[in-house]
N, C-alpha and C. Protein backbone atom coordinates (compact mmCIF):
# COMPACT_ATOMS: atom_id res chain seq x y z
N MET A 1 70.11 94.41 109.60
CA MET A 1 70.85 95.30 108.87
C MET A 1 71.72 96.35 109.61
N LEU A 2 72.82 96.53 109.84
CA LEU A 2 73.56 98.45 109.88
C LEU A 2 74.02 98.67 108.84
N GLY A 3 73.50 99.72 108.80
CA GLY A 3 73.76 100.60 107.31
C GLY A 3 72.60 100.31 106.29
N THR A 4 72.68 101.10 105.63
CA THR A 4 71.99 101.18 104.49
C THR A 4 71.76 101.24 102.91
N GLY A 5 72.81 100.59 102.65
CA GLY A 5 73.34 100.12 101.11
C GLY A 5 74.50 99.39 101.08
N VAL A 6 74.67 98.80 99.85
CA VAL A 6 75.86 97.72 99.82
C VAL A 6 76.96 98.74 99.14
N ASP A 7 77.04 99.27 98.17
CA ASP A 7 77.63 99.95 97.52
C ASP A 7 78.73 101.32 97.90
N PRO A 8 77.91 102.57 97.59
CA PRO A 8 78.79 103.57 97.93
C PRO A 8 80.05 102.96 99.27
N PRO A 9 81.38 103.54 99.00
CA PRO A 9 82.08 103.20 99.47
C PRO A 9 82.24 103.41 101.71
N SER A 10 81.31 105.18 101.16
CA SER A 10 81.04 105.22 102.61
C SER A 10 80.17 104.37 103.09
N ARG A 11 79.66 103.64 102.72
CA ARG A 11 78.49 102.51 103.52
C ARG A 11 78.71 101.25 103.75
N CYS A 12 78.62 101.01 104.84
CA CYS A 12 78.55 99.45 105.02
C CYS A 12 77.38 98.90 104.94
N CYS A 13 77.37 97.67 105.05
CA CYS A 13 75.74 96.46 105.11
C CYS A 13 76.43 95.58 105.99
N TRP A 14 75.77 95.08 107.36
CA TRP A 14 76.09 93.77 107.71
C TRP A 14 74.73 93.24 107.55
N LYS A 15 74.50 91.72 107.77
CA LYS A 15 73.75 90.82 107.99
C LYS A 15 74.28 89.73 108.39
N ARG A 16 73.49 89.03 109.19
CA ARG A 16 74.10 88.31 110.67
C ARG A 16 72.72 87.90 111.53
N ARG A 17 72.77 87.10 112.05
CA ARG A 17 71.76 86.05 112.90
C ARG A 17 71.58 87.25 114.49
N ASN A 18 72.87 87.17 114.99
CA ASN A 18 73.20 88.08 116.55
C ASN A 18 73.81 88.87 116.48
N CYS A 19 73.45 89.92 116.95
CA CYS A 19 73.84 91.41 116.92
C CYS A 19 74.25 91.83 118.18
N ALA A 20 75.44 92.42 119.12
CA ALA A 20 75.28 93.16 120.57
C ALA A 20 76.53 94.45 120.36
N THR A 21 76.06 95.34 121.03
CA THR A 21 76.78 96.80 120.87
C THR A 21 77.32 96.71 122.55
N THR A 22 78.45 96.80 122.73
CA THR A 22 79.29 97.06 124.15
C THR A 22 79.74 98.72 124.17
N ARG A 23 78.85 99.45 124.77
CA ARG A 23 78.79 100.99 124.84
C ARG A 23 80.42 101.13 125.55
N GLN A 24 80.54 100.46 126.91
CA GLN A 24 81.82 100.45 127.37
C GLN A 24 82.85 100.47 126.62
N PHE A 25 83.09 99.61 126.07
CA PHE A 25 84.32 99.64 124.77
C PHE A 25 83.75 99.96 123.26
N ASP A 26 82.87 100.44 123.16
CA ASP A 26 82.73 100.91 121.85
C ASP A 26 82.90 99.92 121.01
N ARG A 27 82.08 98.73 121.36
CA ARG A 27 82.10 97.99 120.16
C ARG A 27 81.11 97.43 119.75
N ILE A 28 80.86 96.91 118.41
CA ILE A 28 79.48 96.07 117.80
C ILE A 28 80.26 94.76 117.57
N SER A 29 79.43 94.02 117.98
CA SER A 29 79.74 92.53 117.94
C SER A 29 78.38 91.41 117.04
N ALA A 30 78.87 90.86 115.89
CA ALA A 30 78.09 90.30 114.93
C ALA A 30 78.17 88.95 115.04
N ILE A 31 77.30 87.55 115.31
CA ILE A 31 77.80 86.22 115.71
C ILE A 31 76.82 85.39 115.02
N GLY A 32 77.05 84.66 113.92
CA GLY A 32 76.39 83.41 113.46
C GLY A 32 76.36 83.88 111.72
N ASN A 33 76.93 83.37 110.72
CA ASN A 33 77.05 83.49 109.49
C ASN A 33 76.83 85.21 109.22
N VAL A 34 78.01 85.66 109.93
CA VAL A 34 78.13 87.68 109.76
C VAL A 34 78.49 87.79 107.89
N GLN A 35 77.69 88.91 107.51
CA GLN A 35 78.24 88.78 106.05
C GLN A 35 78.52 90.32 106.14
N ILE A 36 79.14 91.16 105.47
CA ILE A 36 79.59 92.50 105.34
C ILE A 36 80.25 92.53 104.11
N TYR A 37 79.47 93.83 103.60
CA TYR A 37 79.22 94.50 101.91
C TYR A 37 80.04 96.13 102.53
N TYR A 38 81.31 96.36 102.08
CA TYR A 38 81.66 97.67 102.23
C TYR A 38 82.61 97.62 100.73
N GLY A 39 82.30 98.46 100.07
CA GLY A 39 82.89 98.86 98.93
C GLY A 39 83.33 98.02 98.28
N GLY A 40 82.93 97.36 97.64
CA GLY A 40 82.89 95.88 96.63
C GLY A 40 83.79 95.02 97.56
N ASN A 41 83.94 95.16 98.36
CA ASN A 41 84.52 93.80 99.39
C ASN A 41 83.15 92.90 99.86
N THR A 42 83.56 92.07 100.39
CA THR A 42 82.53 90.95 101.45
C THR A 42 83.09 89.91 101.80
N VAL A 43 83.08 90.30 103.56
CA VAL A 43 83.30 89.81 104.33
C VAL A 43 82.07 88.50 105.08
N GLU A 44 82.79 87.59 105.43
CA GLU A 44 82.02 86.47 105.96
C GLU A 44 83.02 85.99 107.18
N ALA A 45 82.17 85.55 107.94
CA ALA A 45 82.91 84.69 109.24
C ALA A 45 81.52 84.44 109.90
N GLU A 46 81.71 83.93 110.73
CA GLU A 46 81.16 83.36 112.35
C GLU A 46 80.75 84.26 113.27
N ARG A 47 81.73 85.31 113.49
CA ARG A 47 82.40 86.42 114.46
C ARG A 47 83.16 86.95 114.10
N VAL A 48 82.10 88.68 114.21
CA VAL A 48 82.92 89.91 114.01
C VAL A 48 82.89 90.43 115.02
N VAL A 49 83.64 91.60 114.85
CA VAL A 49 83.73 91.93 116.26
C VAL A 49 84.66 94.16 115.39
N PHE A 50 83.62 94.96 115.41
CA PHE A 50 84.39 95.90 115.21
C PHE A 50 84.52 97.07 116.23
N ASP A 51 85.65 97.32 116.66
CA ASP A 51 86.12 98.27 117.49
C ASP A 51 85.78 99.53 116.85
N ARG A 52 85.50 100.86 117.58
CA ARG A 52 85.05 102.09 116.71
C ARG A 52 86.28 102.67 117.53
N ARG A 53 86.67 102.55 118.36
CA ARG A 53 87.85 103.40 118.74
C ARG A 53 88.67 103.50 117.91
N ARG A 54 89.43 101.93 117.84
CA ARG A 54 90.76 101.81 116.98
C ARG A 54 90.29 101.88 115.15
N ASN A 55 89.45 101.53 114.77
CA ASN A 55 88.76 101.29 113.69
C ASN A 55 89.23 100.19 113.05
N ARG A 56 89.14 99.06 113.54
CA ARG A 56 89.64 97.84 113.39
C ARG A 56 88.01 97.06 113.08
N LEU A 57 88.54 96.20 112.32
CA LEU A 57 87.37 95.00 111.82
C LEU A 57 88.20 93.50 111.96
N ARG A 58 87.38 93.12 113.88
CA ARG A 58 88.27 91.27 113.90
C ARG A 58 87.17 90.51 113.54
N ALA A 59 87.52 89.56 112.42
CA ALA A 59 86.75 88.49 111.63
C ALA A 59 87.02 86.94 112.44
N GLU A 60 86.12 86.44 112.96
CA GLU A 60 86.72 85.21 113.23
C GLU A 60 86.11 83.74 112.78
N GLY A 61 86.46 82.50 112.34
CA GLY A 61 85.77 81.74 112.39
C GLY A 61 85.81 81.24 110.92
N ASN A 62 86.25 80.58 110.24
CA ASN A 62 85.96 80.38 108.67
C ASN A 62 85.68 81.93 108.27
N VAL A 63 86.78 82.45 108.25
CA VAL A 63 86.79 83.45 107.78
C VAL A 63 86.83 84.01 106.29
N ARG A 64 86.31 84.56 105.39
CA ARG A 64 86.63 84.65 103.78
C ARG A 64 85.96 86.22 103.30
N LEU A 65 87.26 86.69 102.63
CA LEU A 65 87.48 88.06 102.31
C LEU A 65 87.36 87.93 100.29
N THR A 66 86.28 88.49 99.69
CA THR A 66 86.52 88.47 98.51
C THR A 66 86.31 90.06 98.06
N GLU A 67 87.68 90.22 97.18
CA GLU A 67 87.67 91.68 96.78
C GLU A 67 87.36 91.65 95.75
N PRO A 68 87.40 93.14 95.39
CA PRO A 68 86.47 93.28 93.89
C PRO A 68 86.82 92.74 92.86
N ASN A 69 88.75 92.93 93.03
CA ASN A 69 89.36 92.03 91.62
C ASN A 69 89.30 90.62 91.23
N GLY A 70 88.79 90.56 92.91
CA GLY A 70 88.37 88.60 92.51
C GLY A 70 89.26 87.76 92.68
N ASN A 71 90.36 88.37 94.50
CA ASN A 71 90.57 87.74 94.91
C ASN A 71 90.38 87.04 95.91
N VAL A 72 90.49 86.16 96.47
CA VAL A 72 89.41 85.26 97.70
C VAL A 72 90.26 85.16 98.49
N LEU A 73 90.22 85.41 99.74
CA LEU A 73 91.56 85.21 101.16
C LEU A 73 90.28 84.64 101.83
N ARG A 74 90.87 83.19 102.55
CA ARG A 74 89.98 82.72 103.72
C ARG A 74 91.17 82.06 104.41
N ALA A 75 90.60 82.47 105.69
CA ALA A 75 91.35 82.50 106.86
C ALA A 75 90.93 82.01 108.47
N GLU A 76 91.60 81.89 109.46
CA GLU A 76 91.59 81.79 110.51
C GLU A 76 90.32 82.89 111.56
N THR A 77 91.33 83.76 111.19
CA THR A 77 91.10 84.99 111.49
C THR A 77 91.81 85.88 110.85
N MET A 78 90.87 87.49 110.85
CA MET A 78 91.36 88.67 110.20
C MET A 78 91.27 89.78 110.98
N GLU A 79 92.56 90.20 111.17
CA GLU A 79 91.97 92.25 111.73
C GLU A 79 92.24 92.58 110.10
N LEU A 80 91.59 93.40 110.09
CA LEU A 80 91.56 94.83 109.06
C LEU A 80 91.02 96.06 109.59
N SER A 81 91.87 97.13 109.02
CA SER A 81 91.26 98.40 108.85
C SER A 81 90.22 98.89 108.35
N GLU A 82 89.34 99.75 108.93
CA GLU A 82 88.00 100.23 108.95
C GLU A 82 87.85 100.26 107.08
N ASP A 83 88.26 100.50 106.45
CA ASP A 83 88.42 100.34 104.78
C ASP A 83 88.91 99.44 104.05
N LEU A 84 89.45 98.02 105.07
CA LEU A 84 89.40 96.55 104.86
C LEU A 84 90.82 96.49 103.75
N ARG A 85 91.14 97.52 103.73
CA ARG A 85 92.41 97.59 102.63
C ARG A 85 93.66 97.29 103.00
N ASP A 86 93.93 97.10 104.73
CA ASP A 86 95.10 96.53 105.62
C ASP A 86 95.16 95.88 106.23
N GLY A 87 95.98 95.11 107.25
CA GLY A 87 95.46 94.19 107.91
C GLY A 87 96.27 93.16 108.08
N PHE A 88 95.78 92.63 109.14
CA PHE A 88 96.70 90.86 109.01
C PHE A 88 95.79 89.26 109.29
N ALA A 89 96.18 88.39 109.06
CA ALA A 89 95.47 87.02 109.26
C ALA A 89 96.28 85.97 109.83
N THR A 90 95.43 85.26 110.10
CA THR A 90 96.49 83.81 110.13
C THR A 90 95.95 82.49 109.65
N ALA A 91 96.67 81.58 109.53
CA ALA A 91 96.25 80.17 108.63
C ALA A 91 95.50 81.12 107.43
N LEU A 92 96.31 81.46 106.30
CA LEU A 92 95.81 82.29 105.16
C LEU A 92 95.76 81.38 104.10
N GLN A 93 94.75 81.58 103.48
CA GLN A 93 94.58 80.92 102.17
C GLN A 93 94.45 81.73 101.08
N LEU A 94 95.45 82.36 100.47
CA LEU A 94 94.62 83.42 98.75
C LEU A 94 94.71 82.67 97.66
N ASP A 95 93.60 83.08 96.92
CA ASP A 95 93.36 82.49 95.50
C ASP A 95 93.14 83.73 95.27
N THR A 96 93.55 83.94 93.63
CA THR A 96 93.76 85.03 92.94
C THR A 96 92.97 84.52 91.07
N PRO A 97 92.06 85.50 90.53
CA PRO A 97 91.65 85.72 89.56
C PRO A 97 92.58 84.49 87.99
N GLN A 98 93.87 85.03 88.57
CA GLN A 98 95.20 84.72 87.22
C GLN A 98 95.20 83.37 88.13
N ARG A 99 94.64 82.16 88.63
CA ARG A 99 95.15 81.23 89.04
C ARG A 99 96.48 80.80 90.07
N THR A 100 96.72 82.09 90.89
CA THR A 100 97.51 81.82 91.66
C THR A 100 97.22 81.75 93.12
N ARG A 101 98.33 80.89 94.05
CA ARG A 101 97.43 80.18 95.03
C ARG A 101 98.41 80.72 96.33
N PHE A 102 98.57 81.52 96.92
CA PHE A 102 99.35 81.57 98.67
C PHE A 102 98.57 81.03 99.82
N ILE A 103 99.46 80.50 100.42
CA ILE A 103 98.87 79.41 101.46
C ILE A 103 100.02 80.31 102.74
N ALA A 104 100.00 81.11 103.68
CA ALA A 104 100.31 80.66 104.91
C ALA A 104 100.15 80.89 106.43
N ASP A 105 100.96 80.53 107.29
CA ASP A 105 100.92 80.25 108.29
C ASP A 105 100.13 82.07 109.09
N GLY A 106 100.76 83.09 108.11
CA GLY A 106 100.37 84.53 108.81
C GLY A 106 100.67 85.36 107.83
N ALA A 107 99.89 86.54 107.53
CA ALA A 107 99.52 87.46 106.25
C ALA A 107 99.66 89.36 106.78
N ARG A 108 100.37 89.68 106.40
CA ARG A 108 100.04 91.51 106.55
C ARG A 108 99.79 92.03 105.78
N ARG A 109 99.07 93.18 105.58
CA ARG A 109 98.61 93.30 104.19
C ARG A 109 98.87 94.92 104.29
N GLU A 110 99.78 95.83 103.57
CA GLU A 110 99.94 97.29 104.01
C GLU A 110 100.12 98.17 102.54
N ASP A 111 99.60 99.08 102.69
CA ASP A 111 98.85 100.05 101.58
C ASP A 111 98.06 99.58 101.06
N GLY A 112 97.53 98.74 100.78
CA GLY A 112 96.21 97.72 99.68
C GLY A 112 96.56 97.24 99.03
N ASN A 113 98.25 97.22 98.82
CA ASN A 113 98.41 96.25 97.77
C ASN A 113 99.62 95.38 97.89
N ARG A 114 100.39 95.90 99.04
CA ARG A 114 101.93 94.66 99.50
C ARG A 114 101.31 93.56 100.39
N THR A 115 101.43 92.22 100.27
CA THR A 115 101.04 91.74 101.15
C THR A 115 102.57 91.04 101.36
N THR A 116 102.57 90.89 102.65
CA THR A 116 103.65 90.13 103.28
C THR A 116 103.63 88.49 103.88
N PHE A 117 103.73 87.34 103.36
CA PHE A 117 103.35 85.78 103.90
C PHE A 117 104.35 85.39 104.93
N ASP A 118 104.29 85.02 106.32
CA ASP A 118 105.08 84.36 106.83
C ASP A 118 105.35 82.79 106.78
N ASN A 119 106.07 82.17 106.39
CA ASN A 119 105.76 80.27 106.14
C ASN A 119 104.88 80.32 105.19
N GLY A 120 105.30 80.52 103.88
CA GLY A 120 104.22 80.35 102.90
C GLY A 120 104.59 79.71 101.93
N ILE A 121 103.76 79.43 100.91
CA ILE A 121 103.73 78.46 100.16
C ILE A 121 103.39 79.44 98.65
N TYR A 122 103.77 79.62 97.24
CA TYR A 122 103.40 79.69 96.01
C TYR A 122 103.40 78.99 95.22
N THR A 123 101.89 78.88 94.65
CA THR A 123 102.00 78.09 93.48
C THR A 123 100.61 78.51 92.21
N VAL A 124 101.11 78.64 91.03
CA VAL A 124 100.15 78.41 89.75
C VAL A 124 99.37 77.44 89.36
N TYR A 125 98.24 77.66 89.78
CA TYR A 125 97.61 75.71 88.78
C TYR A 125 97.44 76.34 87.41
N THR A 126 97.36 75.19 86.15
CA THR A 126 97.20 75.44 85.10
C THR A 126 95.86 75.20 84.66
N LYS A 127 94.81 75.05 85.68
CA LYS A 127 93.59 74.40 85.05
C LYS A 127 92.81 75.02 86.03
N PRO A 128 91.55 75.49 86.07
CA PRO A 128 90.60 75.90 87.44
C PRO A 128 90.36 75.55 88.77
N THR A 129 90.56 74.15 88.86
CA THR A 129 91.05 73.64 90.03
C THR A 129 91.67 72.65 89.88
N ASN A 130 92.29 72.39 91.04
CA ASN A 130 93.50 71.21 91.04
C ASN A 130 93.15 70.50 91.65
N PRO A 131 92.86 68.52 91.14
CA PRO A 131 92.11 67.30 91.66
C PRO A 131 92.28 67.50 93.24
N PRO A 132 91.02 67.50 93.98
CA PRO A 132 91.03 66.98 95.63
C PRO A 132 92.56 65.75 95.67
N GLY A 133 93.40 66.52 96.66
CA GLY A 133 93.95 65.69 97.20
C GLY A 133 95.39 65.60 96.32
N LYS A 134 95.65 66.07 95.34
CA LYS A 134 96.48 66.06 94.27
C LYS A 134 97.49 67.34 94.20
N PRO A 135 98.90 67.31 94.35
CA PRO A 135 99.65 68.30 95.11
C PRO A 135 100.20 69.16 93.58
N PRO A 136 99.96 70.44 93.65
CA PRO A 136 100.17 71.00 91.95
C PRO A 136 101.74 70.63 91.77
N LEU A 137 102.04 70.72 90.33
CA LEU A 137 103.39 70.54 89.78
C LEU A 137 104.19 70.76 90.81
N TRP A 138 104.28 71.93 90.97
CA TRP A 138 105.38 72.73 91.68
C TRP A 138 104.77 73.62 92.50
N ARG A 139 105.83 74.40 93.51
CA ARG A 139 105.75 74.96 94.00
C ARG A 139 106.83 75.71 94.95
N VAL A 140 106.71 76.95 95.63
CA VAL A 140 107.79 77.44 96.01
C VAL A 140 107.24 77.92 97.66
N ARG A 141 108.31 76.95 98.50
CA ARG A 141 108.10 77.05 99.74
C ARG A 141 109.22 78.55 100.52
N ALA A 142 108.81 79.50 101.26
CA ALA A 142 109.60 79.64 100.97
C ALA A 142 109.64 80.29 102.97
N ALA A 143 110.22 81.04 103.74
CA ALA A 143 109.89 81.52 105.14
C ALA A 143 109.23 82.73 105.32
N THR A 144 109.83 83.65 104.03
CA THR A 144 108.87 84.93 103.52
C THR A 144 108.15 85.27 101.97
N ILE A 145 107.20 85.59 101.60
CA ILE A 145 106.78 85.99 100.21
C ILE A 145 106.22 87.23 100.69
N VAL A 146 106.72 88.03 99.80
CA VAL A 146 106.33 89.42 99.57
C VAL A 146 105.93 89.55 98.19
N HIS A 147 104.30 90.04 98.14
CA HIS A 147 103.27 89.72 97.07
C HIS A 147 102.99 91.23 97.15
N ASN A 148 103.65 92.52 95.86
CA ASN A 148 103.29 94.03 95.65
C ASN A 148 102.90 93.49 94.54
N GLU A 149 101.49 94.15 94.43
CA GLU A 149 100.12 94.19 93.66
C GLU A 149 100.32 95.04 92.58
N THR A 150 100.98 96.42 93.12
CA THR A 150 100.93 97.68 91.77
C THR A 150 102.28 97.43 91.26
N GLU A 151 103.52 96.68 91.88
CA GLU A 151 104.36 96.92 90.97
C GLU A 151 104.38 94.94 90.09
N ARG A 152 103.79 94.19 90.59
CA ARG A 152 103.23 92.69 89.67
C ARG A 152 104.47 92.39 90.51
N THR A 153 105.11 92.58 91.68
CA THR A 153 105.88 91.39 91.97
C THR A 153 106.12 90.46 92.66
N ILE A 154 106.78 89.04 93.22
CA ILE A 154 106.40 88.11 94.22
C ILE A 154 108.45 88.08 94.29
N GLU A 155 108.17 88.30 95.54
CA GLU A 155 109.76 88.28 96.08
C GLU A 155 109.57 87.23 97.35
N PHE A 156 110.75 86.35 97.22
CA PHE A 156 111.00 84.66 98.55
C PHE A 156 112.26 85.24 98.95
N GLN A 157 112.25 84.59 100.14
CA GLN A 157 113.38 84.76 101.54
C GLN A 157 113.55 83.25 101.80
N ASN A 158 114.58 82.71 101.75
CA ASN A 158 114.81 81.01 102.10
C ASN A 158 113.88 80.53 101.76
N ALA A 159 114.07 80.59 100.32
CA ALA A 159 112.84 79.43 99.75
C ALA A 159 113.46 78.23 98.62
N SER A 160 112.73 77.57 98.60
CA SER A 160 113.25 76.25 97.82
C SER A 160 111.92 75.85 97.44
N LEU A 161 112.49 75.47 95.97
CA LEU A 161 111.26 75.04 94.61
C LEU A 161 110.91 73.71 94.74
N GLU A 162 110.13 73.06 94.58
CA GLU A 162 109.37 72.13 95.42
C GLU A 162 108.40 70.97 94.05
N PHE A 163 108.96 69.92 93.16
CA PHE A 163 107.88 69.37 92.55
C PHE A 163 107.15 68.43 92.61
N PHE A 164 106.29 67.91 92.13
CA PHE A 164 105.14 67.42 92.34
C PHE A 164 104.82 66.63 94.44
N GLY A 165 104.84 68.01 95.13
CA GLY A 165 104.80 68.07 96.19
C GLY A 165 106.11 67.37 97.00
N ARG A 166 106.84 67.51 96.43
CA ARG A 166 108.28 66.93 97.23
C ARG A 166 109.44 68.34 97.52
């Protein structure tokens, strides 16, 4: 483990199978079931690289970010600021405790509360989980979706409303 605690926000705890430090590029790499705990957030991935010069964390392979508010983000890749508040992701799915779901080809978060989804889908589930293989009752598909958590707003650009998966 790197770091010594889980929760004070100034500390970071890593669990991993293998770890390597590259001094030339000032990077720390962890490979194999990597888990990072920081400020109530948990990042899980197959591979994580922390670039100390840029203060950026890059996670790859089955990435999962669980936030203190209950949001769960899954992605192919994520690049995050050192405090995990800002960054971008590819092939993203975001599920919230309010049973809303965002799916997008890519997304970027700014100011820790404003997320812009590219080529995205937004829906709300009435049940805790949607039956496997069954589309939601409705969903909004849009070229751009902007979710502002502070203002509690969702904006759609070039959007269409679909029912029963059509």
